[in-house]
Protein backbone atom coordinates (compact mmCIF):
# COMPACT_ATOMS: atom_id res chain seq x y z
CA MET A 1 -0.36 0.04 -0.14
CA GLY A 2 3.19 2.14 0.00
CA GLY A 3 2.69 3.21 3.46
CA VAL A 4 -0.29 5.47 2.92
CA ALA A 5 -3.21 5.38 5.08
CA LEU A 6 -6.73 4.82 3.73
CA ASP A 7 -8.83 7.57 5.77
CA ALA A 8 -12.11 9.70 5.51
CA GLY A 9 -10.70 11.97 2.54
CA PHE A 10 -10.41 8.37 0.56
CA VAL A 11 -14.04 7.51 1.39
CA ARG A 12 -14.89 10.94 0.42
CA ARG A 13 -13.25 10.66 -2.92
CA TRP A 14 -14.85 7.25 -3.38
CA MET A 15 -18.25 8.66 -2.77
CA GLU A 16 -17.61 11.46 -5.10
CA GLY A 17 -16.63 9.14 -7.85
CA ILE A 18 -19.63 6.97 -7.33
CA ALA A 19 -21.91 10.30 -7.68
CA ALA A 20 -19.89 11.13 -10.95
CA GLY A 21 -20.23 7.78 -12.00
CA ILE A 22 -24.06 7.39 -11.71
CA ASP A 23 -24.56 10.89 -13.23
CA GLU A 24 -22.65 9.74 -16.28
CA GLU A 25 -24.35 6.58 -16.55
CA ARG A 26 -28.13 7.56 -15.30
CA ASP A 27 -29.81 7.06 -18.63
CA HIS A 28 -28.08 3.79 -19.00
CA LEU A 29 -28.99 2.32 -15.94
CA THR A 30 -32.70 3.47 -16.47
CA GLN A 31 -32.62 1.80 -19.72
CA LEU A 32 -31.51 -1.42 -18.44
CA ASP A 33 -33.91 -0.98 -15.69
CA SER A 34 -36.67 -0.57 -18.01
CA ALA A 35 -36.15 -3.86 -19.85
CA ILE A 36 -36.69 -5.70 -16.52
CA GLY A 37 -37.60 -3.47 -13.53
CA ASP A 38 -39.41 -0.21 -12.83
CA ALA A 39 -37.38 2.13 -15.34
CA ASP A 40 -36.18 4.27 -12.13
CA HIS A 41 -32.77 2.51 -11.10
CA GLY A 42 -30.56 5.41 -12.75
CA VAL A 43 -32.55 8.31 -11.75
CA ASN A 44 -33.08 7.30 -8.20
CA LEU A 45 -29.53 6.72 -7.59
CA ALA A 46 -28.70 9.94 -9.06
CA ARG A 47 -31.00 11.48 -6.60
CA GLY A 48 -29.72 9.51 -3.57
CA PHE A 49 -26.16 10.56 -4.50
CA ALA A 50 -26.86 14.12 -5.27
CA ALA A 51 -28.27 14.00 -1.64
CA VAL A 52 -25.15 12.25 -0.43
CA ARG A 53 -22.90 15.04 -2.11
CA ALA A 54 -24.87 17.49 -0.05
CA LYS A 55 -24.82 15.96 3.06
CA LEU A 56 -21.15 15.60 3.06
CA ALA A 57 -20.48 18.77 1.79
CA ALA A 58 -22.25 20.16 4.90
CA SER A 59 -20.93 17.62 7.47
CA GLY A 60 -17.37 19.13 7.68
CA ASP A 61 -14.33 17.13 7.80
CA GLU A 62 -14.47 15.91 11.52
CA ALA A 63 -15.94 12.28 10.63
CA GLY A 64 -13.89 9.39 10.40
CA PRO A 65 -14.17 7.05 7.44
CA GLY A 66 -16.50 4.65 9.08
CA GLN A 67 -19.00 7.49 10.16
CA VAL A 68 -18.68 8.96 6.73
CA LEU A 69 -20.02 5.62 5.05
CA ILE A 70 -22.82 5.30 7.93
CA THR A 71 -23.96 9.07 6.87
CA VAL A 72 -23.73 8.25 3.20
CA GLY A 73 -26.14 4.77 3.95
CA SER A 74 -28.29 6.76 5.95
CA THR A 75 -28.66 9.38 3.34
CA LEU A 76 -29.73 6.82 0.59
CA ILE A 77 -32.15 5.08 2.74
CA SER A 78 -34.07 8.12 3.48
CA THR A 79 -34.08 9.52 -0.29
CA VAL A 80 -33.74 6.51 -2.45
CA GLY A 81 -37.10 4.87 -3.43
CA GLY A 82 -37.51 1.23 -4.32
CA ALA A 83 -35.13 -1.49 -3.39
CA SER A 84 -31.89 0.34 -4.46
CA GLY A 85 -32.22 3.03 -1.31
CA PRO A 86 -32.49 0.13 1.45
CA LEU A 87 -29.96 -2.45 -0.73
CA TYR A 88 -27.51 0.45 -1.08
CA GLY A 89 -28.22 2.28 2.23
CA SER A 90 -27.54 -0.99 4.14
CA ALA A 91 -24.35 -1.71 2.22
CA PHE A 92 -22.63 1.45 3.19
CA ARG A 93 -23.89 1.43 6.65
CA GLY A 94 -22.65 -2.34 6.85
CA ALA A 95 -19.22 -1.17 5.68
CA GLY A 96 -19.03 1.97 8.05
CA LYS A 97 -19.92 -0.33 11.05
CA ALA A 98 -17.32 -2.61 9.99
CA LEU A 99 -14.62 0.13 10.06
CA GLY A 100 -15.61 1.21 13.44
CA GLU A 101 -14.38 4.73 15.01
CA ALA A 102 -10.79 4.08 13.51
CA GLY A 103 -9.42 7.41 11.73
CA SER A 104 -7.71 5.14 9.25
CA PHE A 105 -7.59 1.59 7.83
CA ASP A 106 -5.50 -0.70 5.77
CA ALA A 107 -6.00 -3.22 3.07
CA GLU A 108 -7.57 -5.81 5.86
CA GLY A 109 -9.94 -3.08 7.18
CA LEU A 110 -11.22 -2.22 3.60
CA LEU A 111 -11.91 -6.10 3.29
CA SER A 112 -13.70 -6.12 6.54
CA ALA A 113 -15.64 -3.07 5.16
CA LEU A 114 -16.57 -4.71 1.80
CA ARG A 115 -17.57 -7.87 3.69
CA GLY A 116 -20.02 -5.96 5.78
CA ALA A 117 -21.54 -4.31 2.69
CA LEU A 118 -22.04 -7.89 0.95
CA ASP A 119 -23.26 -9.45 4.49
CA ALA A 120 -25.93 -6.40 4.79
CA VAL A 121 -27.16 -6.64 1.41
CA GLN A 122 -27.60 -10.37 1.60
CA LYS A 123 -29.07 -10.20 4.90
CA LEU A 124 -31.85 -7.73 3.51
CA GLY A 125 -32.26 -8.88 -0.05
CA ALA A 126 -31.53 -12.57 0.55
CA ALA A 127 -29.85 -12.94 -2.74
CA ALA A 128 -27.31 -15.53 -4.06
CA GLU A 129 -24.81 -15.54 -6.69
CA GLY A 130 -26.97 -16.64 -9.93
CA ASP A 131 -30.35 -14.65 -9.05
CA LYS A 132 -29.29 -11.77 -11.48
CA THR A 133 -29.23 -9.30 -8.65
CA MET A 134 -26.22 -6.64 -7.51
CA VAL A 135 -25.04 -9.70 -5.81
CA ASP A 136 -23.45 -11.08 -8.84
CA ALA A 137 -21.16 -8.56 -8.81
CA LEU A 138 -20.87 -7.58 -5.43
CA VAL A 139 -19.61 -11.31 -4.36
CA PRO A 140 -16.89 -11.97 -7.08
CA ALA A 141 -15.57 -8.38 -6.14
CA VAL A 142 -15.18 -9.11 -2.64
CA ARG A 143 -13.95 -12.69 -3.30
CA ALA A 144 -11.30 -11.09 -5.83
CA PHE A 145 -10.32 -8.49 -3.47
CA GLU A 146 -9.71 -10.87 -0.58
CA VAL A 147 -7.51 -13.37 -2.86
CA GLU A 148 -5.19 -10.21 -3.74
CA VAL A 149 -5.06 -9.16 -0.17
CA ARG A 150 -4.17 -12.79 0.94
CA ALA A 151 -1.61 -12.84 -1.60
CA GLY A 152 0.22 -9.91 -0.14
CA HIS A 153 -0.59 -7.44 -3.08
CA ASP A 154 -0.84 -3.83 -2.98
CA VAL A 155 -4.23 -2.34 -2.17
CA ALA A 156 -4.57 -0.77 -5.28
CA VAL A 157 -3.98 -4.14 -7.35
CA ALA A 158 -6.38 -5.78 -5.14
CA ILE A 159 -9.12 -2.96 -5.89
CA ARG A 160 -8.19 -3.06 -9.62
CA ARG A 161 -8.99 -6.93 -9.40
CA ALA A 162 -12.19 -6.47 -7.72
CA ARG A 163 -13.26 -3.93 -10.17
CA GLU A 164 -12.62 -6.25 -12.84
CA ALA A 165 -14.54 -9.19 -11.18
CA ALA A 166 -17.31 -6.79 -10.70
CA GLU A 167 -17.71 -6.15 -14.30
CA GLU A 168 -17.40 -9.75 -15.01
CA GLY A 169 -20.02 -10.60 -12.56
CA MET A 170 -22.34 -7.75 -14.12
CA ARG A 171 -21.76 -9.27 -17.81
CA ALA A 172 -22.62 -12.62 -16.26
CA THR A 173 -25.93 -11.66 -15.69
CA ILE A 174 -27.10 -11.12 -19.11
CA PRO A 175 -27.85 -15.01 -19.65
CA MET A 176 -29.43 -15.46 -16.46
CA GLN A 177 -33.07 -15.84 -15.41
CA ALA A 178 -34.06 -13.68 -12.59
CA ARG A 179 -34.90 -15.12 -9.41
CA LYS A 180 -35.13 -12.36 -7.12
CA GLY A 181 -36.86 -8.80 -7.11
CA ARG A 182 -39.35 -7.37 -9.80
CA ALA A 183 -37.35 -8.91 -12.65
CA SER A 184 -38.15 -12.48 -11.43
CA TYR A 185 -41.83 -11.75 -12.27
CA LEU A 186 -40.70 -11.65 -15.93
CA GLY A 187 -39.61 -15.49 -15.81
CA ALA A 188 -37.43 -16.40 -18.90
CA ARG A 189 -38.23 -12.91 -20.33
CA SER A 190 -35.81 -11.73 -18.01
CA VAL A 191 -33.11 -13.72 -19.73
CA GLY A 192 -30.59 -11.68 -22.19
CA HIS A 193 -30.90 -8.63 -20.22
CA GLN A 194 -28.05 -7.00 -17.91
CA ASP A 195 -28.88 -6.45 -14.47
CA PRO A 196 -29.29 -2.82 -13.53
CA GLY A 197 -28.05 -3.51 -9.96
CA ALA A 198 -25.11 -5.30 -10.94
CA THR A 199 -24.14 -2.36 -13.24
CA SER A 200 -24.20 0.04 -10.50
CA THR A 201 -22.41 -2.04 -8.47
CA ALA A 202 -19.82 -2.53 -10.78
CA LEU A 203 -19.68 1.56 -11.30
CA VAL A 204 -19.16 1.68 -7.20
CA PHE A 205 -16.23 -0.53 -7.69
CA ARG A 206 -14.98 1.65 -10.54
CA ALA A 207 -15.04 4.40 -8.38
CA LEU A 208 -13.15 2.89 -5.69
CA GLU A 209 -10.37 2.11 -8.10
CA GLY A 210 -10.26 5.82 -9.02
CA ALA A 211 -10.10 6.76 -5.41
CA ALA A 212 -7.24 4.43 -4.86
CA SER A 213 -4.96 5.44 -7.77
CA PRO A 214 -1.58 6.58 -6.66
CA ALA A 215 -2.05 9.99 -8.09
CA GLU A 216 -4.98 10.43 -5.44
CA TRP A 217 -2.50 9.95 -2.54
CA ARG A 218 0.18 12.40 -3.70
């Protein structure tokens, strides 16, 4: 990790990257959701992360990384409709609780945070890999990150691999038949469509990679 601590500033850059990515891909996410959902995934997430931006801008810099994530999660739960708000909100709250009160964290801390996010999502949504949900991107990303960390690789390398795994998981949802959520009502008609939740999850890891780039640490 080059001796550079991950801290609240890192988490804020991550959240800003997510917000920018959601804004950029809002119409694409909504298009994906129009095929198998309520056609509101992009709009809802864009509204939620706009609220996150405003909340973090008004909150000052005193909060630690765990508290920043909890604030993000609570904001999403209160501002995003449908399933996205509770799922993403719970994910970030779970990540924040895993970090606790520490002022900084390392690769193992980030792994704990990612596990906390995954656990919260699966507890709330009861989804597993193969159900054609955000879990199909989240599980392989967390797994890939852990493999790299256990191998002793730099955290930036581990995050890049997690982002790649999330994108692979996202694409793998296309031939799946949905077994959870609104898309499951379509049965076989859900086959052939990329899951919007898995797509937005891949954006979360793309933003994490951006926040972890060495240029951000200078």
